[in-house]
N, C-alpha and C. Protein backbone atom coordinates (compact mmCIF):
# COMPACT_ATOMS: atom_id res chain seq x y z
N MET A 1 -141.67 -3.40 -120.12
CA MET A 1 -142.89 -3.94 -119.58
C MET A 1 -143.10 -3.37 -118.18
N GLU A 2 -144.30 -2.88 -117.91
CA GLU A 2 -144.60 -2.23 -116.63
C GLU A 2 -144.92 -3.30 -115.59
N GLN A 3 -144.20 -3.27 -114.47
CA GLN A 3 -144.41 -4.23 -113.38
C GLN A 3 -145.21 -3.53 -112.28
N LYS A 4 -146.47 -3.94 -112.11
CA LYS A 4 -147.29 -3.36 -111.06
C LYS A 4 -147.04 -4.13 -109.77
N SER A 5 -147.10 -3.44 -108.66
CA SER A 5 -146.92 -4.08 -107.37
C SER A 5 -148.15 -4.91 -107.02
N LYS A 6 -147.91 -6.13 -106.54
CA LYS A 6 -149.01 -7.00 -106.16
C LYS A 6 -149.44 -6.76 -104.72
N LEU A 7 -148.58 -6.12 -103.93
CA LEU A 7 -148.86 -5.89 -102.52
C LEU A 7 -150.13 -5.06 -102.31
N PRO A 8 -150.34 -3.96 -103.02
CA PRO A 8 -151.55 -3.18 -102.77
C PRO A 8 -152.84 -3.97 -103.02
N VAL A 9 -152.85 -4.88 -103.98
CA VAL A 9 -154.05 -5.67 -104.26
C VAL A 9 -154.34 -6.59 -103.08
N ALA A 10 -153.32 -7.27 -102.58
CA ALA A 10 -153.50 -8.16 -101.44
C ALA A 10 -153.88 -7.37 -100.19
N ALA A 11 -153.23 -6.24 -99.98
CA ALA A 11 -153.55 -5.40 -98.81
C ALA A 11 -154.99 -4.91 -98.90
N ARG A 12 -155.43 -4.55 -100.09
CA ARG A 12 -156.81 -4.09 -100.27
C ARG A 12 -157.80 -5.21 -99.92
N ASP A 13 -157.50 -6.43 -100.36
CA ASP A 13 -158.38 -7.56 -100.07
C ASP A 13 -158.45 -7.85 -98.58
N ILE A 14 -157.30 -7.76 -97.92
CA ILE A 14 -157.27 -7.98 -96.47
C ILE A 14 -158.09 -6.90 -95.76
N ILE A 15 -157.95 -5.67 -96.19
CA ILE A 15 -158.72 -4.57 -95.60
C ILE A 15 -160.22 -4.78 -95.82
N ILE A 16 -160.59 -5.28 -97.00
CA ILE A 16 -162.01 -5.54 -97.29
C ILE A 16 -162.55 -6.63 -96.37
N VAL A 17 -161.77 -7.70 -96.17
CA VAL A 17 -162.21 -8.78 -95.28
C VAL A 17 -162.38 -8.27 -93.86
N VAL A 18 -161.38 -7.53 -93.36
CA VAL A 18 -161.43 -7.00 -91.99
C VAL A 18 -162.61 -6.03 -91.85
N ALA A 19 -162.79 -5.15 -92.82
CA ALA A 19 -163.91 -4.20 -92.78
C ALA A 19 -165.25 -4.94 -92.82
N GLY A 20 -165.34 -5.99 -93.63
CA GLY A 20 -166.58 -6.76 -93.72
C GLY A 20 -166.93 -7.40 -92.39
N VAL A 21 -165.94 -8.00 -91.73
CA VAL A 21 -166.19 -8.61 -90.42
C VAL A 21 -166.61 -7.54 -89.41
N ALA A 22 -165.94 -6.39 -89.42
CA ALA A 22 -166.28 -5.31 -88.49
C ALA A 22 -167.70 -4.79 -88.73
N ILE A 23 -168.09 -4.65 -89.99
CA ILE A 23 -169.43 -4.17 -90.33
C ILE A 23 -170.49 -5.17 -89.87
N VAL A 24 -170.25 -6.46 -90.10
CA VAL A 24 -171.20 -7.49 -89.66
C VAL A 24 -171.32 -7.47 -88.14
N TRP A 25 -170.19 -7.39 -87.43
CA TRP A 25 -170.22 -7.38 -85.97
C TRP A 25 -170.96 -6.15 -85.45
N LEU A 26 -170.67 -4.98 -86.00
CA LEU A 26 -171.37 -3.77 -85.57
C LEU A 26 -172.86 -3.84 -85.90
N GLY A 27 -173.18 -4.42 -87.05
CA GLY A 27 -174.59 -4.58 -87.43
C GLY A 27 -175.33 -5.48 -86.46
N LEU A 28 -174.69 -6.57 -86.04
CA LEU A 28 -175.31 -7.47 -85.06
C LEU A 28 -175.48 -6.76 -83.71
N ARG A 29 -174.48 -5.99 -83.32
CA ARG A 29 -174.59 -5.26 -82.05
C ARG A 29 -175.75 -4.27 -82.10
N LEU A 30 -175.91 -3.59 -83.22
CA LEU A 30 -177.02 -2.64 -83.35
C LEU A 30 -178.36 -3.37 -83.42
N ALA A 31 -178.43 -4.45 -84.18
CA ALA A 31 -179.69 -5.18 -84.35
C ALA A 31 -180.18 -5.77 -83.03
N PHE A 32 -179.25 -6.25 -82.19
CA PHE A 32 -179.65 -6.87 -80.93
C PHE A 32 -179.52 -5.92 -79.75
N ASP A 33 -179.08 -4.69 -80.01
CA ASP A 33 -179.00 -3.63 -79.01
C ASP A 33 -178.23 -4.07 -77.76
N THR A 34 -177.11 -4.71 -77.96
CA THR A 34 -176.26 -5.14 -76.85
C THR A 34 -174.82 -5.17 -77.33
N ASN A 35 -173.89 -5.05 -76.38
CA ASN A 35 -172.46 -5.06 -76.74
C ASN A 35 -172.03 -6.38 -77.33
N ASN A 36 -172.59 -7.47 -76.82
CA ASN A 36 -172.25 -8.79 -77.34
C ASN A 36 -173.53 -9.60 -77.44
N PRO A 37 -174.00 -9.90 -78.64
CA PRO A 37 -175.25 -10.66 -78.77
C PRO A 37 -175.09 -12.17 -78.63
N PHE A 38 -173.87 -12.67 -78.44
CA PHE A 38 -173.64 -14.12 -78.38
C PHE A 38 -172.95 -14.51 -77.08
N TYR A 39 -173.48 -15.55 -76.45
CA TYR A 39 -172.89 -16.11 -75.23
C TYR A 39 -172.92 -17.62 -75.33
N VAL A 40 -171.93 -18.27 -74.71
CA VAL A 40 -171.85 -19.73 -74.72
C VAL A 40 -172.14 -20.22 -73.30
N VAL A 41 -173.04 -21.19 -73.19
CA VAL A 41 -173.37 -21.78 -71.89
C VAL A 41 -172.17 -22.59 -71.41
N SER A 42 -171.71 -22.30 -70.18
CA SER A 42 -170.51 -22.97 -69.68
C SER A 42 -170.75 -23.80 -68.43
N SER A 43 -172.00 -23.84 -67.94
CA SER A 43 -172.28 -24.68 -66.77
C SER A 43 -173.60 -25.41 -66.99
N GLY A 44 -173.86 -26.37 -66.12
CA GLY A 44 -175.07 -27.18 -66.25
C GLY A 44 -176.26 -26.66 -65.45
N SER A 45 -176.22 -25.41 -65.01
CA SER A 45 -177.29 -24.89 -64.15
C SER A 45 -178.64 -24.75 -64.85
N MET A 46 -178.66 -24.76 -66.18
CA MET A 46 -179.92 -24.61 -66.90
C MET A 46 -180.34 -25.90 -67.63
N ILE A 47 -179.67 -27.01 -67.35
CA ILE A 47 -180.07 -28.30 -67.94
C ILE A 47 -181.44 -28.65 -67.40
N PRO A 48 -182.38 -29.13 -68.13
CA PRO A 48 -182.32 -29.63 -69.50
C PRO A 48 -182.62 -28.59 -70.57
N THR A 49 -183.01 -27.37 -70.16
CA THR A 49 -183.38 -26.35 -71.14
C THR A 49 -182.20 -25.94 -72.00
N LEU A 50 -181.07 -25.66 -71.37
CA LEU A 50 -179.84 -25.27 -72.06
C LEU A 50 -178.74 -26.25 -71.68
N GLN A 51 -177.99 -26.66 -72.68
CA GLN A 51 -176.89 -27.59 -72.46
C GLN A 51 -175.57 -26.83 -72.50
N ILE A 52 -174.55 -27.39 -71.88
CA ILE A 52 -173.21 -26.81 -71.97
C ILE A 52 -172.82 -26.76 -73.44
N ASN A 53 -172.24 -25.65 -73.86
CA ASN A 53 -171.79 -25.36 -75.22
C ASN A 53 -172.90 -24.88 -76.16
N ASP A 54 -174.12 -24.69 -75.67
CA ASP A 54 -175.14 -24.04 -76.50
C ASP A 54 -174.75 -22.57 -76.65
N VAL A 55 -174.98 -22.02 -77.83
CA VAL A 55 -174.75 -20.60 -78.06
C VAL A 55 -176.08 -19.89 -77.93
N LEU A 56 -176.08 -18.82 -77.13
CA LEU A 56 -177.28 -18.04 -76.90
C LEU A 56 -177.22 -16.76 -77.70
N VAL A 57 -178.30 -16.42 -78.36
CA VAL A 57 -178.43 -15.13 -79.03
C VAL A 57 -179.26 -14.27 -78.08
N VAL A 58 -178.70 -13.14 -77.68
CA VAL A 58 -179.29 -12.30 -76.64
C VAL A 58 -179.64 -10.94 -77.22
N ARG A 59 -180.81 -10.43 -76.80
CA ARG A 59 -181.26 -9.10 -77.25
C ARG A 59 -181.61 -8.28 -76.02
N ASN A 60 -181.19 -7.00 -76.04
CA ASN A 60 -181.59 -6.09 -74.97
C ASN A 60 -182.79 -5.30 -75.47
N GLY A 61 -182.55 -4.28 -76.26
CA GLY A 61 -183.63 -3.54 -76.92
C GLY A 61 -184.75 -3.10 -76.02
N GLY A 62 -184.44 -2.64 -74.80
CA GLY A 62 -185.47 -2.16 -73.90
C GLY A 62 -186.32 -3.25 -73.30
N SER A 63 -185.83 -4.50 -73.37
CA SER A 63 -186.64 -5.61 -72.89
C SER A 63 -186.74 -5.70 -71.37
N TRP A 64 -185.91 -4.96 -70.63
CA TRP A 64 -185.95 -5.00 -69.16
C TRP A 64 -187.36 -4.74 -68.63
N ASP A 65 -188.02 -3.73 -69.16
CA ASP A 65 -189.36 -3.37 -68.66
C ASP A 65 -190.42 -4.38 -69.08
N ASN A 66 -190.13 -5.23 -70.06
CA ASN A 66 -191.11 -6.20 -70.54
C ASN A 66 -190.83 -7.62 -70.05
N LEU A 67 -189.81 -7.80 -69.21
CA LEU A 67 -189.49 -9.13 -68.72
C LEU A 67 -190.63 -9.67 -67.87
N LYS A 68 -190.81 -10.98 -67.96
CA LYS A 68 -191.83 -11.64 -67.14
C LYS A 68 -191.25 -12.92 -66.55
N VAL A 69 -191.90 -13.43 -65.53
CA VAL A 69 -191.47 -14.68 -64.91
C VAL A 69 -191.45 -15.76 -65.98
N GLY A 70 -190.36 -16.52 -66.02
CA GLY A 70 -190.20 -17.59 -67.00
C GLY A 70 -189.24 -17.23 -68.12
N ASP A 71 -188.95 -15.93 -68.33
CA ASP A 71 -187.98 -15.54 -69.36
C ASP A 71 -186.58 -15.96 -68.94
N ILE A 72 -185.77 -16.35 -69.91
CA ILE A 72 -184.36 -16.69 -69.66
C ILE A 72 -183.54 -15.46 -70.00
N ILE A 73 -182.73 -15.02 -69.04
CA ILE A 73 -181.95 -13.79 -69.23
C ILE A 73 -180.47 -14.03 -68.97
N VAL A 74 -179.66 -13.12 -69.50
CA VAL A 74 -178.22 -13.11 -69.27
C VAL A 74 -177.92 -11.85 -68.48
N PHE A 75 -177.12 -11.98 -67.43
CA PHE A 75 -176.85 -10.83 -66.56
C PHE A 75 -175.49 -10.98 -65.89
N ASP A 76 -174.97 -9.86 -65.43
CA ASP A 76 -173.75 -9.89 -64.63
C ASP A 76 -174.13 -10.28 -63.21
N ARG A 77 -173.39 -11.20 -62.65
CA ARG A 77 -173.64 -11.64 -61.28
C ARG A 77 -173.64 -10.41 -60.37
N PRO A 78 -174.72 -10.19 -59.59
CA PRO A 78 -174.82 -8.97 -58.78
C PRO A 78 -173.71 -8.83 -57.73
N ASP A 79 -173.25 -9.93 -57.17
CA ASP A 79 -172.21 -9.88 -56.13
C ASP A 79 -170.84 -9.84 -56.79
N GLY A 80 -170.36 -8.65 -57.10
CA GLY A 80 -169.03 -8.47 -57.68
C GLY A 80 -169.02 -8.30 -59.18
N GLU A 81 -170.12 -8.62 -59.86
CA GLU A 81 -170.21 -8.52 -61.32
C GLU A 81 -168.99 -9.15 -62.00
N ASP A 82 -168.56 -10.30 -61.45
CA ASP A 82 -167.35 -10.95 -61.95
C ASP A 82 -167.63 -12.10 -62.90
N ARG A 83 -168.91 -12.45 -63.08
CA ARG A 83 -169.27 -13.55 -63.98
C ARG A 83 -170.56 -13.21 -64.69
N VAL A 84 -170.69 -13.75 -65.89
CA VAL A 84 -171.94 -13.61 -66.64
C VAL A 84 -172.75 -14.88 -66.38
N ILE A 85 -174.01 -14.69 -66.04
CA ILE A 85 -174.89 -15.79 -65.67
C ILE A 85 -176.07 -15.83 -66.63
N VAL A 86 -176.57 -17.03 -66.91
CA VAL A 86 -177.82 -17.20 -67.66
C VAL A 86 -178.74 -18.06 -66.82
N HIS A 87 -179.86 -17.47 -66.37
CA HIS A 87 -180.85 -18.16 -65.55
C HIS A 87 -182.23 -17.67 -65.93
N ARG A 88 -183.23 -18.35 -65.40
CA ARG A 88 -184.63 -18.03 -65.67
C ARG A 88 -185.16 -17.08 -64.59
N VAL A 89 -185.97 -16.09 -65.00
CA VAL A 89 -186.59 -15.17 -64.06
C VAL A 89 -187.60 -15.96 -63.23
N ALA A 90 -187.42 -15.90 -61.89
CA ALA A 90 -188.32 -16.63 -60.97
C ALA A 90 -189.31 -15.68 -60.29
N GLU A 91 -188.88 -14.45 -60.02
CA GLU A 91 -189.75 -13.45 -59.37
C GLU A 91 -189.37 -12.06 -59.83
N ILE A 92 -190.36 -11.18 -59.85
CA ILE A 92 -190.12 -9.76 -60.15
C ILE A 92 -190.78 -8.95 -59.03
N HIS A 93 -190.00 -8.13 -58.37
CA HIS A 93 -190.50 -7.25 -57.31
C HIS A 93 -190.26 -5.81 -57.74
N VAL A 94 -191.06 -4.92 -57.20
CA VAL A 94 -190.84 -3.49 -57.39
C VAL A 94 -190.48 -2.92 -56.02
N ASN A 95 -189.29 -2.33 -55.93
CA ASN A 95 -188.85 -1.80 -54.63
C ASN A 95 -189.55 -0.46 -54.34
N PRO A 96 -189.37 0.11 -53.15
CA PRO A 96 -190.06 1.36 -52.79
C PRO A 96 -189.73 2.54 -53.72
N ASP A 97 -188.57 2.46 -54.41
CA ASP A 97 -188.21 3.53 -55.36
C ASP A 97 -188.87 3.33 -56.72
N GLY A 98 -189.64 2.27 -56.89
CA GLY A 98 -190.31 1.99 -58.15
C GLY A 98 -189.45 1.23 -59.14
N GLU A 99 -188.29 0.76 -58.68
CA GLU A 99 -187.37 0.02 -59.56
C GLU A 99 -187.69 -1.47 -59.51
N ARG A 100 -187.67 -2.10 -60.70
CA ARG A 100 -187.86 -3.55 -60.76
C ARG A 100 -186.60 -4.25 -60.27
N VAL A 101 -186.78 -5.28 -59.47
CA VAL A 101 -185.69 -6.09 -58.97
C VAL A 101 -186.07 -7.54 -59.23
N LEU A 102 -185.16 -8.30 -59.84
CA LEU A 102 -185.45 -9.68 -60.22
C LEU A 102 -184.75 -10.68 -59.31
N ARG A 103 -185.38 -11.85 -59.23
CA ARG A 103 -184.74 -13.02 -58.66
C ARG A 103 -184.81 -14.08 -59.74
N THR A 104 -183.68 -14.75 -59.98
CA THR A 104 -183.64 -15.80 -61.00
C THR A 104 -183.31 -17.12 -60.34
N LYS A 105 -183.33 -18.17 -61.13
CA LYS A 105 -182.95 -19.50 -60.66
C LYS A 105 -182.57 -20.33 -61.86
N GLY A 106 -181.50 -21.09 -61.73
CA GLY A 106 -181.15 -22.06 -62.77
C GLY A 106 -182.12 -23.22 -62.74
N ASP A 107 -182.56 -23.68 -63.91
CA ASP A 107 -183.53 -24.78 -63.97
C ASP A 107 -183.03 -26.04 -63.26
N ASN A 108 -181.73 -26.23 -63.23
CA ASN A 108 -181.14 -27.43 -62.64
C ASN A 108 -180.69 -27.21 -61.19
N ASN A 109 -180.89 -26.00 -60.67
CA ASN A 109 -180.50 -25.69 -59.29
C ASN A 109 -181.69 -25.89 -58.36
N PRO A 110 -181.46 -26.36 -57.12
CA PRO A 110 -182.57 -26.58 -56.20
C PRO A 110 -183.21 -25.27 -55.73
N ALA A 111 -182.44 -24.18 -55.68
CA ALA A 111 -182.98 -22.89 -55.21
C ALA A 111 -182.14 -21.76 -55.80
N SER A 112 -182.66 -20.54 -55.64
CA SER A 112 -181.90 -19.36 -56.06
C SER A 112 -180.70 -19.17 -55.13
N ILE A 113 -179.61 -18.65 -55.68
CA ILE A 113 -178.37 -18.47 -54.93
C ILE A 113 -178.20 -16.98 -54.63
N PRO A 114 -178.16 -16.60 -53.32
CA PRO A 114 -177.96 -15.20 -52.98
C PRO A 114 -176.65 -14.67 -53.55
N GLY A 115 -176.68 -13.47 -54.10
CA GLY A 115 -175.49 -12.86 -54.69
C GLY A 115 -175.28 -13.25 -56.13
N THR A 116 -175.92 -14.33 -56.56
CA THR A 116 -175.85 -14.76 -57.96
C THR A 116 -177.19 -14.56 -58.63
N ASP A 117 -178.24 -15.05 -58.01
CA ASP A 117 -179.58 -14.99 -58.59
C ASP A 117 -180.40 -13.78 -58.14
N TYR A 118 -179.97 -13.11 -57.12
CA TYR A 118 -180.70 -11.92 -56.66
C TYR A 118 -179.81 -11.11 -55.75
N PRO A 119 -180.06 -9.84 -55.60
CA PRO A 119 -181.02 -9.02 -56.34
C PRO A 119 -180.43 -8.58 -57.68
N ILE A 120 -181.18 -8.75 -58.74
CA ILE A 120 -180.73 -8.34 -60.07
C ILE A 120 -181.42 -7.04 -60.43
N HIS A 121 -180.60 -6.02 -60.66
CA HIS A 121 -181.10 -4.69 -61.04
C HIS A 121 -180.87 -4.47 -62.52
N LYS A 122 -181.44 -3.43 -63.03
CA LYS A 122 -181.30 -3.11 -64.46
C LYS A 122 -179.83 -2.98 -64.85
N SER A 123 -179.01 -2.47 -63.94
CA SER A 123 -177.58 -2.30 -64.24
C SER A 123 -176.86 -3.64 -64.43
N ASN A 124 -177.41 -4.73 -63.87
CA ASN A 124 -176.82 -6.06 -64.03
C ASN A 124 -177.27 -6.73 -65.32
N TYR A 125 -178.37 -6.28 -65.86
CA TYR A 125 -179.04 -6.95 -66.98
C TYR A 125 -178.27 -6.76 -68.29
N ILE A 126 -178.05 -7.86 -69.02
CA ILE A 126 -177.40 -7.81 -70.33
C ILE A 126 -178.44 -7.98 -71.42
N GLY A 127 -179.31 -8.98 -71.29
CA GLY A 127 -180.33 -9.17 -72.31
C GLY A 127 -181.12 -10.44 -72.11
N LYS A 128 -182.14 -10.57 -72.93
CA LYS A 128 -183.03 -11.73 -72.89
C LYS A 128 -182.60 -12.70 -73.99
N VAL A 129 -182.62 -13.99 -73.67
CA VAL A 129 -182.28 -15.02 -74.66
C VAL A 129 -183.42 -15.10 -75.66
N VAL A 130 -183.08 -14.87 -76.95
CA VAL A 130 -184.11 -14.92 -77.99
C VAL A 130 -183.95 -16.12 -78.92
N TYR A 131 -182.76 -16.74 -78.89
CA TYR A 131 -182.55 -17.89 -79.75
C TYR A 131 -181.40 -18.73 -79.19
N VAL A 132 -181.48 -20.03 -79.38
CA VAL A 132 -180.43 -20.95 -78.91
C VAL A 132 -179.92 -21.75 -80.09
N LEU A 133 -178.60 -21.79 -80.24
CA LEU A 133 -177.93 -22.62 -81.26
C LEU A 133 -177.31 -23.81 -80.53
N PRO A 134 -178.00 -24.95 -80.51
CA PRO A 134 -177.53 -26.10 -79.72
C PRO A 134 -176.13 -26.57 -80.13
N GLY A 135 -175.25 -26.67 -79.14
CA GLY A 135 -173.92 -27.22 -79.34
C GLY A 135 -172.95 -26.39 -80.15
N ALA A 136 -173.38 -25.25 -80.65
CA ALA A 136 -172.50 -24.45 -81.52
C ALA A 136 -171.30 -23.88 -80.78
N GLY A 137 -171.33 -23.88 -79.47
CA GLY A 137 -170.21 -23.37 -78.69
C GLY A 137 -168.98 -24.24 -78.78
N LEU A 138 -169.12 -25.48 -79.25
CA LEU A 138 -167.95 -26.34 -79.44
C LEU A 138 -166.97 -25.71 -80.42
N ILE A 139 -167.49 -24.98 -81.38
CA ILE A 139 -166.63 -24.30 -82.36
C ILE A 139 -165.72 -23.32 -81.65
N THR A 140 -166.26 -22.59 -80.67
CA THR A 140 -165.43 -21.61 -79.96
C THR A 140 -164.33 -22.29 -79.15
N LYS A 141 -164.59 -23.51 -78.67
CA LYS A 141 -163.54 -24.23 -77.95
C LYS A 141 -162.43 -24.67 -78.89
N VAL A 142 -162.82 -25.09 -80.09
CA VAL A 142 -161.84 -25.55 -81.07
C VAL A 142 -160.97 -24.39 -81.54
N ILE A 143 -161.58 -23.22 -81.69
CA ILE A 143 -160.83 -22.08 -82.22
C ILE A 143 -160.54 -21.02 -81.16
N SER A 144 -160.34 -21.46 -79.93
CA SER A 144 -159.96 -20.52 -78.88
C SER A 144 -158.47 -20.20 -79.00
N PRO A 145 -158.03 -19.08 -78.41
CA PRO A 145 -156.62 -18.71 -78.53
C PRO A 145 -155.70 -19.83 -78.06
N PRO A 146 -154.59 -20.04 -78.70
CA PRO A 146 -154.02 -19.32 -79.84
C PRO A 146 -154.45 -19.87 -81.19
N VAL A 147 -155.26 -20.94 -81.20
CA VAL A 147 -155.64 -21.57 -82.47
C VAL A 147 -156.37 -20.59 -83.38
N ASN A 148 -157.24 -19.76 -82.82
CA ASN A 148 -157.98 -18.81 -83.67
C ASN A 148 -157.03 -17.82 -84.35
N TYR A 149 -156.00 -17.38 -83.65
CA TYR A 149 -155.04 -16.45 -84.26
C TYR A 149 -154.25 -17.13 -85.38
N ILE A 150 -153.93 -18.39 -85.17
CA ILE A 150 -153.20 -19.14 -86.20
C ILE A 150 -154.08 -19.31 -87.44
N ILE A 151 -155.36 -19.65 -87.24
CA ILE A 151 -156.28 -19.81 -88.37
C ILE A 151 -156.43 -18.50 -89.14
N ILE A 152 -156.60 -17.40 -88.41
CA ILE A 152 -156.72 -16.09 -89.07
C ILE A 152 -155.44 -15.78 -89.85
N ALA A 153 -154.29 -16.03 -89.26
CA ALA A 153 -153.02 -15.76 -89.95
C ALA A 153 -152.90 -16.61 -91.21
N ILE A 154 -153.28 -17.89 -91.13
CA ILE A 154 -153.20 -18.77 -92.30
C ILE A 154 -154.12 -18.28 -93.40
N ILE A 155 -155.34 -17.88 -93.04
CA ILE A 155 -156.29 -17.36 -94.04
C ILE A 155 -155.72 -16.12 -94.71
N LEU A 156 -155.16 -15.21 -93.92
CA LEU A 156 -154.59 -13.98 -94.50
C LEU A 156 -153.39 -14.31 -95.40
N ILE A 157 -152.55 -15.26 -94.99
CA ILE A 157 -151.40 -15.64 -95.81
C ILE A 157 -151.86 -16.27 -97.12
N ILE A 158 -152.85 -17.16 -97.04
CA ILE A 158 -153.39 -17.78 -98.26
C ILE A 158 -153.98 -16.73 -99.18
N LEU A 159 -154.74 -15.80 -98.60
CA LEU A 159 -155.32 -14.72 -99.40
C LEU A 159 -154.23 -13.89 -100.07
N PHE A 160 -153.22 -13.54 -99.30
CA PHE A 160 -152.12 -12.72 -99.82
C PHE A 160 -151.40 -13.44 -100.96
N PHE A 161 -151.01 -14.71 -100.74
CA PHE A 161 -150.25 -15.42 -101.75
C PHE A 161 -151.10 -15.86 -102.93
N SER A 162 -152.39 -16.08 -102.73
CA SER A 162 -153.23 -16.43 -103.88
C SER A 162 -153.36 -15.23 -104.81
N LYS A 163 -153.46 -14.05 -104.24
CA LYS A 163 -153.50 -12.84 -105.08
C LYS A 163 -152.15 -12.62 -105.75
N TRP A 164 -151.08 -12.84 -105.00
CA TRP A 164 -149.73 -12.65 -105.53
C TRP A 164 -149.49 -13.64 -106.67
N GLY A 165 -149.86 -14.91 -106.47
CA GLY A 165 -149.64 -15.94 -107.47
C GLY A 165 -150.50 -15.74 -108.71
N ARG A 166 -151.75 -15.34 -108.51
CA ARG A 166 -152.65 -15.14 -109.65
C ARG A 166 -152.16 -13.99 -110.52
N ARG A 167 -151.75 -12.92 -109.88
CA ARG A 167 -151.24 -11.78 -110.65
C ARG A 167 -149.93 -12.15 -111.33
N GLY A 168 -149.07 -12.93 -110.63
CA GLY A 168 -147.80 -13.34 -111.21
C GLY A 168 -148.00 -14.25 -112.41
N GLY A 169 -149.00 -15.10 -112.37
CA GLY A 169 -149.27 -16.01 -113.47
C GLY A 169 -149.68 -15.26 -114.72
N LYS A 170 -150.44 -14.21 -114.57
CA LYS A 170 -150.86 -13.42 -115.74
C LYS A 170 -149.68 -12.67 -116.32
N ASP A 171 -148.86 -12.08 -115.46
CA ASP A 171 -147.74 -11.28 -115.95
C ASP A 171 -146.57 -12.15 -116.37
N GLY A 172 -146.42 -13.35 -115.78
CA GLY A 172 -145.25 -14.18 -116.05
C GLY A 172 -145.47 -15.21 -117.14
N ALA A 173 -146.64 -15.30 -117.74
CA ALA A 173 -146.90 -16.29 -118.78
C ALA A 173 -146.16 -15.90 -120.05
N PRO A 174 -145.61 -16.91 -120.79
CA PRO A 174 -144.91 -16.58 -122.02
C PRO A 174 -145.88 -15.97 -123.04
N GLN A 175 -145.42 -14.97 -123.71
CA GLN A 175 -146.23 -14.29 -124.70
C GLN A 175 -145.75 -14.69 -126.10
N PRO A 176 -146.65 -14.88 -127.05
CA PRO A 176 -146.21 -15.21 -128.40
C PRO A 176 -145.42 -14.05 -129.00
N SER A 177 -144.42 -14.40 -129.79
CA SER A 177 -143.59 -13.40 -130.44
C SER A 177 -144.32 -12.88 -131.67
N SER A 178 -144.17 -11.62 -131.91
CA SER A 178 -144.82 -11.04 -133.09
C SER A 178 -144.08 -11.46 -134.36
N SER A 179 -142.87 -12.07 -134.22
CA SER A 179 -142.12 -12.45 -135.41
C SER A 179 -142.50 -13.84 -135.92
N SER A 180 -143.27 -14.60 -135.13
CA SER A 180 -143.63 -15.94 -135.62
C SER A 180 -144.72 -15.82 -136.67
N SER A 181 -144.65 -16.71 -137.65
CA SER A 181 -145.63 -16.64 -138.73
C SER A 181 -146.88 -17.39 -138.31
N PRO A 182 -148.05 -16.89 -138.65
CA PRO A 182 -149.28 -17.54 -138.27
C PRO A 182 -149.40 -18.92 -138.88
N SER A 183 -148.83 -19.15 -140.05
CA SER A 183 -149.00 -20.45 -140.68
C SER A 183 -148.11 -21.52 -140.08
N SER A 184 -146.98 -21.12 -139.45
CA SER A 184 -146.08 -22.12 -138.90
C SER A 184 -146.56 -22.65 -137.56
N GLY A 185 -147.35 -21.87 -136.82
CA GLY A 185 -147.87 -22.29 -135.52
C GLY A 185 -146.81 -22.38 -134.47
N THR A 186 -145.66 -21.71 -134.62
CA THR A 186 -144.60 -21.76 -133.64
C THR A 186 -144.59 -20.47 -132.82
N THR A 187 -144.06 -20.57 -131.62
CA THR A 187 -143.88 -19.39 -130.78
C THR A 187 -142.42 -19.34 -130.37
N THR A 188 -141.99 -18.21 -129.89
CA THR A 188 -140.60 -18.04 -129.48
C THR A 188 -140.28 -19.02 -128.35
N GLY A 189 -139.14 -19.64 -128.41
CA GLY A 189 -138.72 -20.57 -127.38
C GLY A 189 -139.10 -22.00 -127.65
N GLN A 190 -139.86 -22.29 -128.71
CA GLN A 190 -140.23 -23.65 -129.02
C GLN A 190 -139.65 -24.00 -130.41
N PRO A 191 -139.12 -25.22 -130.53
CA PRO A 191 -138.61 -25.59 -131.85
C PRO A 191 -139.74 -25.81 -132.82
N PRO A 192 -139.52 -25.49 -134.10
CA PRO A 192 -140.57 -25.74 -135.08
C PRO A 192 -140.81 -27.22 -135.26
N THR A 193 -142.04 -27.57 -135.58
CA THR A 193 -142.38 -28.98 -135.79
C THR A 193 -142.23 -29.36 -137.24
C-alpha cells in the first residue's frame, strides 16, 4: 500500500492562506494608494466626530491637491514625524514657492497645536479619511502581540492537523476483505453473525 506524505498537503494549504492574506493586503494598498489604509483612533482629540478605537479607512490617491477645509486627514506629526495624527483641515495656505501648507485642528481641541497641527506639507500627508468603522479598533487591542501570534499559530496548527487527520482517516479506515462472501455480510476482523 502506497503511503503518501500528508505534510506537503498541509504545507500547501498554509502557503495558500499566507498568499491569500498577502494578496488581499497588497490589493488594499493599491486600491487606497497608501502603505497602510487602516488606522485606529487612539486619542480623544476628534471627539465627538471620531471616538477612541474607531478604525479609519484612509485613501491617498492624489487627494493632497483636492483637500479642502473640513476634510479629516491622517498625517505624520510635522515636528519630528514621530506620531501619526488624525485631525480636521482648518486652513490651507499657499507659500511663496506655490506649495500648499495646511493647518489642522482636533475637533475636541481648543486650538491648533504648533508642531502637531501645522505646518503640514505634502511630505507629512498620509491620506484622507474616507470611511470610519466605529469601535472596530477594539479587535486590534484584543489581538495585539503576543495574542495575535498565538492565534495565528493555533489556526495554523489546527489547519495542519485537520488535514493530517482527514487524510489519515481515509487511509487508515478498515477495508473489506475480498475473501468475504457478499451473502454473509461479514468483513475481515468481525465475527460472523
